[in-house]
PDB file of N, CA and C in Angstrom:
ATOM      1  N   UNK A   1      44.034 -15.177   7.751  1.00  0.00           N
ATOM      2  CA  UNK A   1      43.053 -14.119   7.695  1.00  0.00           C
ATOM      3  C   UNK A   1      43.588 -12.896   8.424  1.00  0.00           C
ATOM      4  N   UNK A   2      43.204 -11.747   7.950  1.00  0.00           N
ATOM      5  CA  UNK A   2      43.635 -10.525   8.608  1.00  0.00           C
ATOM      6  C   UNK A   2      42.993 -10.408   9.986  1.00  0.00           C
ATOM      7  N   UNK A   3      43.669  -9.678  10.873  1.00  0.00           N
ATOM      8  CA  UNK A   3      43.106  -9.445  12.195  1.00  0.00           C
ATOM      9  C   UNK A   3      41.854  -8.598  12.091  1.00  0.00           C
ATOM     10  N   UNK A   4      40.991  -8.748  13.067  1.00  0.00           N
ATOM     11  CA  UNK A   4      39.782  -7.948  13.121  1.00  0.00           C
ATOM     12  C   UNK A   4      40.130  -6.533  13.554  1.00  0.00           C
ATOM     13  N   UNK A   5      39.207  -5.645  13.310  1.00  0.00           N
ATOM     14  CA  UNK A   5      39.382  -4.276  13.793  1.00  0.00           C
ATOM     15  C   UNK A   5      39.139  -4.206  15.296  1.00  0.00           C
ATOM     16  N   UNK A   6      38.350  -5.123  15.818  1.00  0.00           N
ATOM     17  CA  UNK A   6      38.020  -5.139  17.246  1.00  0.00           C
ATOM     18  C   UNK A   6      38.800  -6.264  17.918  1.00  0.00           C
ATOM     19  N   UNK A   7      40.039  -5.997  18.241  1.00  0.00           N
ATOM     20  CA  UNK A   7      40.916  -7.028  18.786  1.00  0.00           C
ATOM     21  C   UNK A   7      40.383  -7.623  20.089  1.00  0.00           C
ATOM     22  N   UNK A   8      39.665  -6.825  20.891  1.00  0.00           N
ATOM     23  CA  UNK A   8      39.100  -7.351  22.145  1.00  0.00           C
ATOM     24  C   UNK A   8      38.064  -8.426  21.866  1.00  0.00           C
ATOM     25  N   UNK A   9      37.348  -8.308  20.770  1.00  0.00           N
ATOM     26  CA  UNK A   9      36.359  -9.320  20.400  1.00  0.00           C
ATOM     27  C   UNK A   9      37.070 -10.603  19.998  1.00  0.00           C
ATOM     28  N   UNK A  10      38.105 -10.483  19.187  1.00  0.00           N
ATOM     29  CA  UNK A  10      38.814 -11.653  18.699  1.00  0.00           C
ATOM     30  C   UNK A  10      39.572 -12.373  19.814  1.00  0.00           C
ATOM     31  N   UNK A  11      40.097 -11.640  20.760  1.00  0.00           N
ATOM     32  CA  UNK A  11      40.893 -12.264  21.817  1.00  0.00           C
ATOM     33  C   UNK A  11      40.062 -12.684  23.027  1.00  0.00           C
ATOM     34  N   UNK A  12      38.776 -12.318  23.034  1.00  0.00           N
ATOM     35  CA  UNK A  12      37.888 -12.643  24.155  1.00  0.00           C
ATOM     36  C   UNK A  12      37.746 -14.156  24.297  1.00  0.00           C
ATOM     37  N   UNK A  13      37.967 -14.671  25.496  1.00  0.00           N
ATOM     38  CA  UNK A  13      37.793 -16.100  25.761  1.00  0.00           C
ATOM     39  C   UNK A  13      36.372 -16.316  26.251  1.00  0.00           C
ATOM     40  N   UNK A  14      35.566 -16.966  25.438  1.00  0.00           N
ATOM     41  CA  UNK A  14      34.175 -17.220  25.784  1.00  0.00           C
ATOM     42  C   UNK A  14      33.933 -18.720  25.838  1.00  0.00           C
ATOM     43  N   UNK A  15      32.736 -19.078  26.230  1.00  0.00           N
ATOM     44  CA  UNK A  15      32.342 -20.483  26.240  1.00  0.00           C
ATOM     45  C   UNK A  15      31.193 -20.654  25.270  1.00  0.00           C
ATOM     46  N   UNK A  16      30.989 -21.875  24.815  1.00  0.00           N
ATOM     47  CA  UNK A  16      29.882 -22.159  23.923  1.00  0.00           C
ATOM     48  C   UNK A  16      30.351 -22.751  22.614  1.00  0.00           C
ATOM     49  N   UNK A  17      29.386 -23.038  21.746  1.00  0.00           N
ATOM     50  CA  UNK A  17      29.726 -23.751  20.502  1.00  0.00           C
ATOM     51  C   UNK A  17      30.661 -22.985  19.574  1.00  0.00           C
ATOM     52  N   UNK A  18      30.525 -21.679  19.494  1.00  0.00           N
ATOM     53  CA  UNK A  18      31.409 -20.942  18.593  1.00  0.00           C
ATOM     54  C   UNK A  18      32.825 -20.844  19.149  1.00  0.00           C
ATOM     55  N   UNK A  19      32.955 -20.751  20.458  1.00  0.00           N
ATOM     56  CA  UNK A  19      34.296 -20.772  21.055  1.00  0.00           C
ATOM     57  C   UNK A  19      34.985 -22.095  20.756  1.00  0.00           C
ATOM     58  N   UNK A  20      34.214 -23.172  20.826  1.00  0.00           N
ATOM     59  CA  UNK A  20      34.772 -24.495  20.518  1.00  0.00           C
ATOM     60  C   UNK A  20      35.192 -24.578  19.051  1.00  0.00           C
ATOM     61  N   UNK A  21      34.368 -24.044  18.147  1.00  0.00           N
ATOM     62  CA  UNK A  21      34.723 -24.047  16.727  1.00  0.00           C
ATOM     63  C   UNK A  21      35.982 -23.217  16.472  1.00  0.00           C
ATOM     64  N   UNK A  22      36.085 -22.076  17.133  1.00  0.00           N
ATOM     65  CA  UNK A  22      37.272 -21.227  16.979  1.00  0.00           C
ATOM     66  C   UNK A  22      38.514 -21.984  17.434  1.00  0.00           C
ATOM     67  N   UNK A  23      38.413 -22.606  18.580  1.00  0.00           N
ATOM     68  CA  UNK A  23      39.555 -23.360  19.123  1.00  0.00           C
ATOM     69  C   UNK A  23      39.954 -24.505  18.191  1.00  0.00           C
ATOM     70  N   UNK A  24      38.966 -25.240  17.693  1.00  0.00           N
ATOM     71  CA  UNK A  24      39.255 -26.356  16.781  1.00  0.00           C
ATOM     72  C   UNK A  24      39.903 -25.851  15.493  1.00  0.00           C
ATOM     73  N   UNK A  25      39.390 -24.756  14.952  1.00  0.00           N
ATOM     74  CA  UNK A  25      39.968 -24.198  13.727  1.00  0.00           C
ATOM     75  C   UNK A  25      41.397 -23.750  13.930  1.00  0.00           C
ATOM     76  N   UNK A  26      41.644 -23.059  15.030  1.00  0.00           N
ATOM     77  CA  UNK A  26      43.010 -22.599  15.325  1.00  0.00           C
ATOM     78  C   UNK A  26      43.953 -23.782  15.497  1.00  0.00           C
ATOM     79  N   UNK A  27      43.506 -24.802  16.245  1.00  0.00           N
ATOM     80  CA  UNK A  27      44.348 -25.977  16.478  1.00  0.00           C
ATOM     81  C   UNK A  27      44.666 -26.724  15.186  1.00  0.00           C
ATOM     82  N   UNK A  28      43.732 -26.691  14.233  1.00  0.00           N
ATOM     83  CA  UNK A  28      43.938 -27.371  12.961  1.00  0.00           C
ATOM     84  C   UNK A  28      44.691 -26.498  11.957  1.00  0.00           C
ATOM     85  N   UNK A  29      44.942 -25.228  12.331  1.00  0.00           N
ATOM     86  CA  UNK A  29      45.662 -24.327  11.435  1.00  0.00           C
ATOM     87  C   UNK A  29      44.798 -23.710  10.351  1.00  0.00           C
ATOM     88  N   UNK A  30      43.477 -23.770  10.521  1.00  0.00           N
ATOM     89  CA  UNK A  30      42.559 -23.191   9.539  1.00  0.00           C
ATOM     90  C   UNK A  30      42.258 -21.737   9.882  1.00  0.00           C
ATOM     91  N   UNK A  31      42.012 -20.906   8.869  1.00  0.00           N
ATOM     92  CA  UNK A  31      41.578 -19.537   9.160  1.00  0.00           C
ATOM     93  C   UNK A  31      40.181 -19.572   9.775  1.00  0.00           C
ATOM     94  N   UNK A  32      39.977 -18.790  10.793  1.00  0.00           N
ATOM     95  CA  UNK A  32      38.701 -18.770  11.516  1.00  0.00           C
ATOM     96  C   UNK A  32      37.846 -17.625  10.987  1.00  0.00           C
ATOM     97  N   UNK A  33      36.613 -17.925  10.534  1.00  0.00           N
ATOM     98  CA  UNK A  33      35.744 -16.831  10.090  1.00  0.00           C
ATOM     99  C   UNK A  33      35.548 -15.810  11.208  1.00  0.00           C
ATOM    100  N   UNK A  34      35.737 -14.552  10.886  1.00  0.00           N
ATOM    101  CA  UNK A  34      35.702 -13.519  11.912  1.00  0.00           C
ATOM    102  C   UNK A  34      34.342 -13.389  12.575  1.00  0.00           C
ATOM    103  N   UNK A  35      33.283 -13.726  11.857  1.00  0.00           N
ATOM    104  CA  UNK A  35      31.963 -13.607  12.468  1.00  0.00           C
ATOM    105  C   UNK A  35      31.807 -14.579  13.632  1.00  0.00           C
ATOM    106  N   UNK A  36      32.547 -15.688  13.619  1.00  0.00           N
ATOM    107  CA  UNK A  36      32.495 -16.624  14.751  1.00  0.00           C
ATOM    108  C   UNK A  36      32.945 -15.935  16.033  1.00  0.00           C
ATOM    109  N   UNK A  37      33.909 -15.015  15.926  1.00  0.00           N
ATOM    110  CA  UNK A  37      34.369 -14.296  17.122  1.00  0.00           C
ATOM    111  C   UNK A  37      33.243 -13.439  17.697  1.00  0.00           C
ATOM    112  N   UNK A  38      32.481 -12.809  16.828  1.00  0.00           N
ATOM    113  CA  UNK A  38      31.347 -12.016  17.289  1.00  0.00           C
ATOM    114  C   UNK A  38      30.288 -12.911  17.925  1.00  0.00           C
ATOM    115  N   UNK A  39      30.004 -14.056  17.305  1.00  0.00           N
ATOM    116  CA  UNK A  39      29.032 -14.994  17.872  1.00  0.00           C
ATOM    117  C   UNK A  39      29.487 -15.487  19.244  1.00  0.00           C
ATOM    118  N   UNK A  40      30.772 -15.724  19.417  1.00  0.00           N
ATOM    119  CA  UNK A  40      31.295 -16.196  20.705  1.00  0.00           C
ATOM    120  C   UNK A  40      31.329 -15.070  21.737  1.00  0.00           C
ATOM    121  N   UNK A  41      31.549 -13.840  21.278  1.00  0.00           N
ATOM    122  CA  UNK A  41      31.648 -12.696  22.184  1.00  0.00           C
ATOM    123  C   UNK A  41      30.290 -12.327  22.777  1.00  0.00           C
ATOM    124  N   UNK A  42      29.263 -12.327  21.971  1.00  0.00           N
ATOM    125  CA  UNK A  42      27.909 -11.944  22.404  1.00  0.00           C
ATOM    126  C   UNK A  42      26.902 -12.994  21.926  1.00  0.00           C
ATOM    127  N   UNK A  43      26.932 -14.195  22.490  1.00  0.00           N
ATOM    128  CA  UNK A  43      26.073 -15.260  21.966  1.00  0.00           C
ATOM    129  C   UNK A  43      24.580 -14.957  22.033  1.00  0.00           C
ATOM    130  N   UNK A  44      24.115 -14.345  23.094  1.00  0.00           N
ATOM    131  CA  UNK A  44      22.675 -14.058  23.182  1.00  0.00           C
ATOM    132  C   UNK A  44      22.258 -12.982  22.194  1.00  0.00           C
ATOM    133  N   UNK A  45      23.139 -12.052  21.922  1.00  0.00           N
ATOM    134  CA  UNK A  45      22.817 -10.968  21.000  1.00  0.00           C
ATOM    135  C   UNK A  45      22.910 -11.403  19.538  1.00  0.00           C
ATOM    136  N   UNK A  46      23.621 -12.488  19.260  1.00  0.00           N
ATOM    137  CA  UNK A  46      23.827 -12.893  17.871  1.00  0.00           C
ATOM    138  C   UNK A  46      23.123 -14.200  17.505  1.00  0.00           C
ATOM    139  N   UNK A  47      22.455 -14.843  18.457  1.00  0.00           N
ATOM    140  CA  UNK A  47      21.817 -16.126  18.144  1.00  0.00           C
ATOM    141  C   UNK A  47      20.757 -15.978  17.059  1.00  0.00           C
ATOM    142  N   UNK A  48      20.052 -14.838  17.027  1.00  0.00           N
ATOM    143  CA  UNK A  48      19.059 -14.622  15.970  1.00  0.00           C
ATOM    144  C   UNK A  48      19.717 -14.537  14.597  1.00  0.00           C
ATOM    145  N   UNK A  49      20.914 -13.949  14.527  1.00  0.00           N
ATOM    146  CA  UNK A  49      21.634 -13.855  13.263  1.00  0.00           C
ATOM    147  C   UNK A  49      22.064 -15.241  12.782  1.00  0.00           C
ATOM    148  N   UNK A  50      22.514 -16.071  13.708  1.00  0.00           N
ATOM    149  CA  UNK A  50      22.905 -17.439  13.355  1.00  0.00           C
ATOM    150  C   UNK A  50      21.698 -18.227  12.843  1.00  0.00           C
ATOM    151  N   UNK A  51      20.553 -18.083  13.516  1.00  0.00           N
ATOM    152  CA  UNK A  51      19.339 -18.777  13.064  1.00  0.00           C
ATOM    153  C   UNK A  51      18.895 -18.270  11.688  1.00  0.00           C
ATOM    154  N   UNK A  52      18.940 -16.946  11.500  1.00  0.00           N
ATOM    155  CA  UNK A  52      18.564 -16.351  10.223  1.00  0.00           C
ATOM    156  C   UNK A  52      19.446 -16.898   9.095  1.00  0.00           C
ATOM    157  N   UNK A  53      20.751 -16.883   9.323  1.00  0.00           N
ATOM    158  CA  UNK A  53      21.693 -17.356   8.306  1.00  0.00           C
ATOM    159  C   UNK A  53      21.444 -18.825   7.976  1.00  0.00           C
ATOM    160  N   UNK A  54      21.229 -19.632   8.994  1.00  0.00           N
ATOM    161  CA  UNK A  54      20.967 -21.053   8.782  1.00  0.00           C
ATOM    162  C   UNK A  54      19.702 -21.246   7.947  1.00  0.00           C
ATOM    163  N   UNK A  55      18.664 -20.501   8.254  1.00  0.00           N
ATOM    164  CA  UNK A  55      17.405 -20.618   7.513  1.00  0.00           C
ATOM    165  C   UNK A  55      17.573 -20.174   6.063  1.00  0.00           C
ATOM    166  N   UNK A  56      18.281 -19.074   5.840  1.00  0.00           N
ATOM    167  CA  UNK A  56      18.481 -18.577   4.478  1.00  0.00           C
ATOM    168  C   UNK A  56      19.315 -19.561   3.663  1.00  0.00           C
ATOM    169  N   UNK A  57      20.358 -20.099   4.270  1.00  0.00           N
ATOM    170  CA  UNK A  57      21.272 -20.960   3.520  1.00  0.00           C
ATOM    171  C   UNK A  57      20.816 -22.419   3.434  1.00  0.00           C
ATOM    172  N   UNK A  58      20.050 -22.876   4.408  1.00  0.00           N
ATOM    173  CA  UNK A  58      19.693 -24.298   4.444  1.00  0.00           C
ATOM    174  C   UNK A  58      18.188 -24.575   4.466  1.00  0.00           C
ATOM    175  N   UNK A  59      17.381 -23.537   4.652  1.00  0.00           N
ATOM    176  CA  UNK A  59      15.940 -23.724   4.724  1.00  0.00           C
ATOM    177  C   UNK A  59      15.330 -23.990   3.359  1.00  0.00           C
ATOM    178  N   UNK A  60      14.022 -24.235   3.331  1.00  0.00           N
ATOM    179  CA  UNK A  60      13.328 -24.491   2.062  1.00  0.00           C
ATOM    180  C   UNK A  60      13.521 -23.335   1.079  1.00  0.00           C
ATOM    181  N   UNK A  61      13.764 -23.678  -0.181  1.00  0.00           N
ATOM    182  CA  UNK A  61      14.013 -22.665  -1.198  1.00  0.00           C
ATOM    183  C   UNK A  61      13.939 -23.324  -2.571  1.00  0.00           C
ATOM    184  N   UNK A  62      13.569 -22.557  -3.604  1.00  0.00           N
ATOM    185  CA  UNK A  62      13.633 -23.120  -4.958  1.00  0.00           C
ATOM    186  C   UNK A  62      15.083 -23.310  -5.428  1.00  0.00           C
ATOM    187  N   UNK A  63      16.045 -22.671  -4.738  1.00  0.00           N
ATOM    188  CA  UNK A  63      17.464 -22.832  -5.086  1.00  0.00           C
ATOM    189  C   UNK A  63      18.111 -23.870  -4.179  1.00  0.00           C
ATOM    190  N   UNK A  64      18.876 -24.802  -4.737  1.00  0.00           N
ATOM    191  CA  UNK A  64      19.594 -25.756  -3.896  1.00  0.00           C
ATOM    192  C   UNK A  64      20.615 -25.041  -2.997  1.00  0.00           C
ATOM    193  N   UNK A  65      20.939 -25.667  -1.873  1.00  0.00           N
ATOM    194  CA  UNK A  65      21.893 -25.072  -0.923  1.00  0.00           C
ATOM    195  C   UNK A  65      23.233 -24.770  -1.587  1.00  0.00           C
ATOM    196  N   UNK A  66      23.693 -25.635  -2.477  1.00  0.00           N
ATOM    197  CA  UNK A  66      24.973 -25.408  -3.151  1.00  0.00           C
ATOM    198  C   UNK A  66      24.981 -24.136  -3.988  1.00  0.00           C
ATOM    199  N   UNK A  67      23.874 -23.857  -4.666  1.00  0.00           N
ATOM    200  CA  UNK A  67      23.770 -22.623  -5.464  1.00  0.00           C
ATOM    201  C   UNK A  67      23.770 -21.405  -4.544  1.00  0.00           C
ATOM    202  N   UNK A  68      23.069 -21.516  -3.412  1.00  0.00           N
ATOM    203  CA  UNK A  68      23.064 -20.400  -2.455  1.00  0.00           C
ATOM    204  C   UNK A  68      24.465 -20.145  -1.925  1.00  0.00           C
ATOM    205  N   UNK A  69      25.230 -21.218  -1.678  1.00  0.00           N
ATOM    206  CA  UNK A  69      26.620 -21.067  -1.230  1.00  0.00           C
ATOM    207  C   UNK A  69      27.451 -20.373  -2.306  1.00  0.00           C
ATOM    208  N   UNK A  70      27.250 -20.758  -3.570  1.00  0.00           N
ATOM    209  CA  UNK A  70      27.989 -20.117  -4.661  1.00  0.00           C
ATOM    210  C   UNK A  70      27.652 -18.633  -4.774  1.00  0.00           C
ATOM    211  N   UNK A  71      26.383 -18.290  -4.620  1.00  0.00           N
ATOM    212  CA  UNK A  71      25.983 -16.877  -4.654  1.00  0.00           C
ATOM    213  C   UNK A  71      26.654 -16.115  -3.518  1.00  0.00           C
ATOM    214  N   UNK A  72      26.663 -16.708  -2.321  1.00  0.00           N
ATOM    215  CA  UNK A  72      27.296 -16.051  -1.171  1.00  0.00           C
ATOM    216  C   UNK A  72      28.802 -15.897  -1.392  1.00  0.00           C
ATOM    217  N   UNK A  73      29.442 -16.936  -1.936  1.00  0.00           N
ATOM    218  CA  UNK A  73      30.887 -16.869  -2.182  1.00  0.00           C
ATOM    219  C   UNK A  73      31.200 -15.819  -3.251  1.00  0.00           C
ATOM    220  N   UNK A  74      30.409 -15.780  -4.315  1.00  0.00           N
ATOM    221  CA  UNK A  74      30.612 -14.793  -5.371  1.00  0.00           C
ATOM    222  C   UNK A  74      30.448 -13.375  -4.828  1.00  0.00           C
ATOM    223  N   UNK A  75      29.389 -13.171  -4.051  1.00  0.00           N
ATOM    224  CA  UNK A  75      29.135 -11.850  -3.471  1.00  0.00           C
ATOM    225  C   UNK A  75      30.271 -11.437  -2.539  1.00  0.00           C
ATOM    226  N   UNK A  76      30.729 -12.363  -1.718  1.00  0.00           N
ATOM    227  CA  UNK A  76      31.837 -12.068  -0.808  1.00  0.00           C
ATOM    228  C   UNK A  76      33.095 -11.697  -1.583  1.00  0.00           C
ATOM    229  N   UNK A  77      33.355 -12.438  -2.641  1.00  0.00           N
ATOM    230  CA  UNK A  77      34.539 -12.159  -3.459  1.00  0.00           C
ATOM    231  C   UNK A  77      34.439 -10.758  -4.079  1.00  0.00           C
ATOM    232  N   UNK A  78      33.279 -10.426  -4.605  1.00  0.00           N
ATOM    233  CA  UNK A  78      33.074  -9.098  -5.208  1.00  0.00           C
ATOM    234  C   UNK A  78      33.260  -7.993  -4.180  1.00  0.00           C
ATOM    235  N   UNK A  79      32.934  -8.287  -2.919  1.00  0.00           N
ATOM    236  CA  UNK A  79      33.080  -7.311  -1.841  1.00  0.00           C
ATOM    237  C   UNK A  79      34.453  -7.389  -1.177  1.00  0.00           C
ATOM    238  N   UNK A  80      35.346  -8.223  -1.761  1.00  0.00           N
ATOM    239  CA  UNK A  80      36.687  -8.429  -1.213  1.00  0.00           C
ATOM    240  C   UNK A  80      36.629  -8.883   0.242  1.00  0.00           C
ATOM    241  N   UNK A  81      35.716  -9.781   0.510  1.00  0.00           N
ATOM    242  CA  UNK A  81      35.503 -10.326   1.862  1.00  0.00           C
ATOM    243  C   UNK A  81      35.750 -11.825   1.818  1.00  0.00           C
ATOM    244  N   UNK A  82      36.673 -12.355   2.619  1.00  0.00           N
ATOM    245  CA  UNK A  82      36.911 -13.807   2.604  1.00  0.00           C
ATOM    246  C   UNK A  82      35.637 -14.557   2.968  1.00  0.00           C
ATOM    247  N   UNK A  83      35.385 -15.625   2.271  1.00  0.00           N
ATOM    248  CA  UNK A  83      34.178 -16.429   2.526  1.00  0.00           C
ATOM    249  C   UNK A  83      34.579 -17.820   2.929  1.00  0.00           C
TER     250      UNK A  83
END
């Protein structure tokens, strides 16, 4: 994945669940979603965004979660954003 525009955010060593996910992804050689760096950098400021995303993608809906994932992946691709 390309580097973020905010290198201080990406290189910031934080604690918490997203820092652990970042570390695990890096150790496994997987690309780390850049939004995880923001969640790890400012966890209190971004916890509402994480809850919102979880509810939209996994909460009750007439669309199955897999279809919602496909819509998100398609939209990301159209926006030239890795998903």
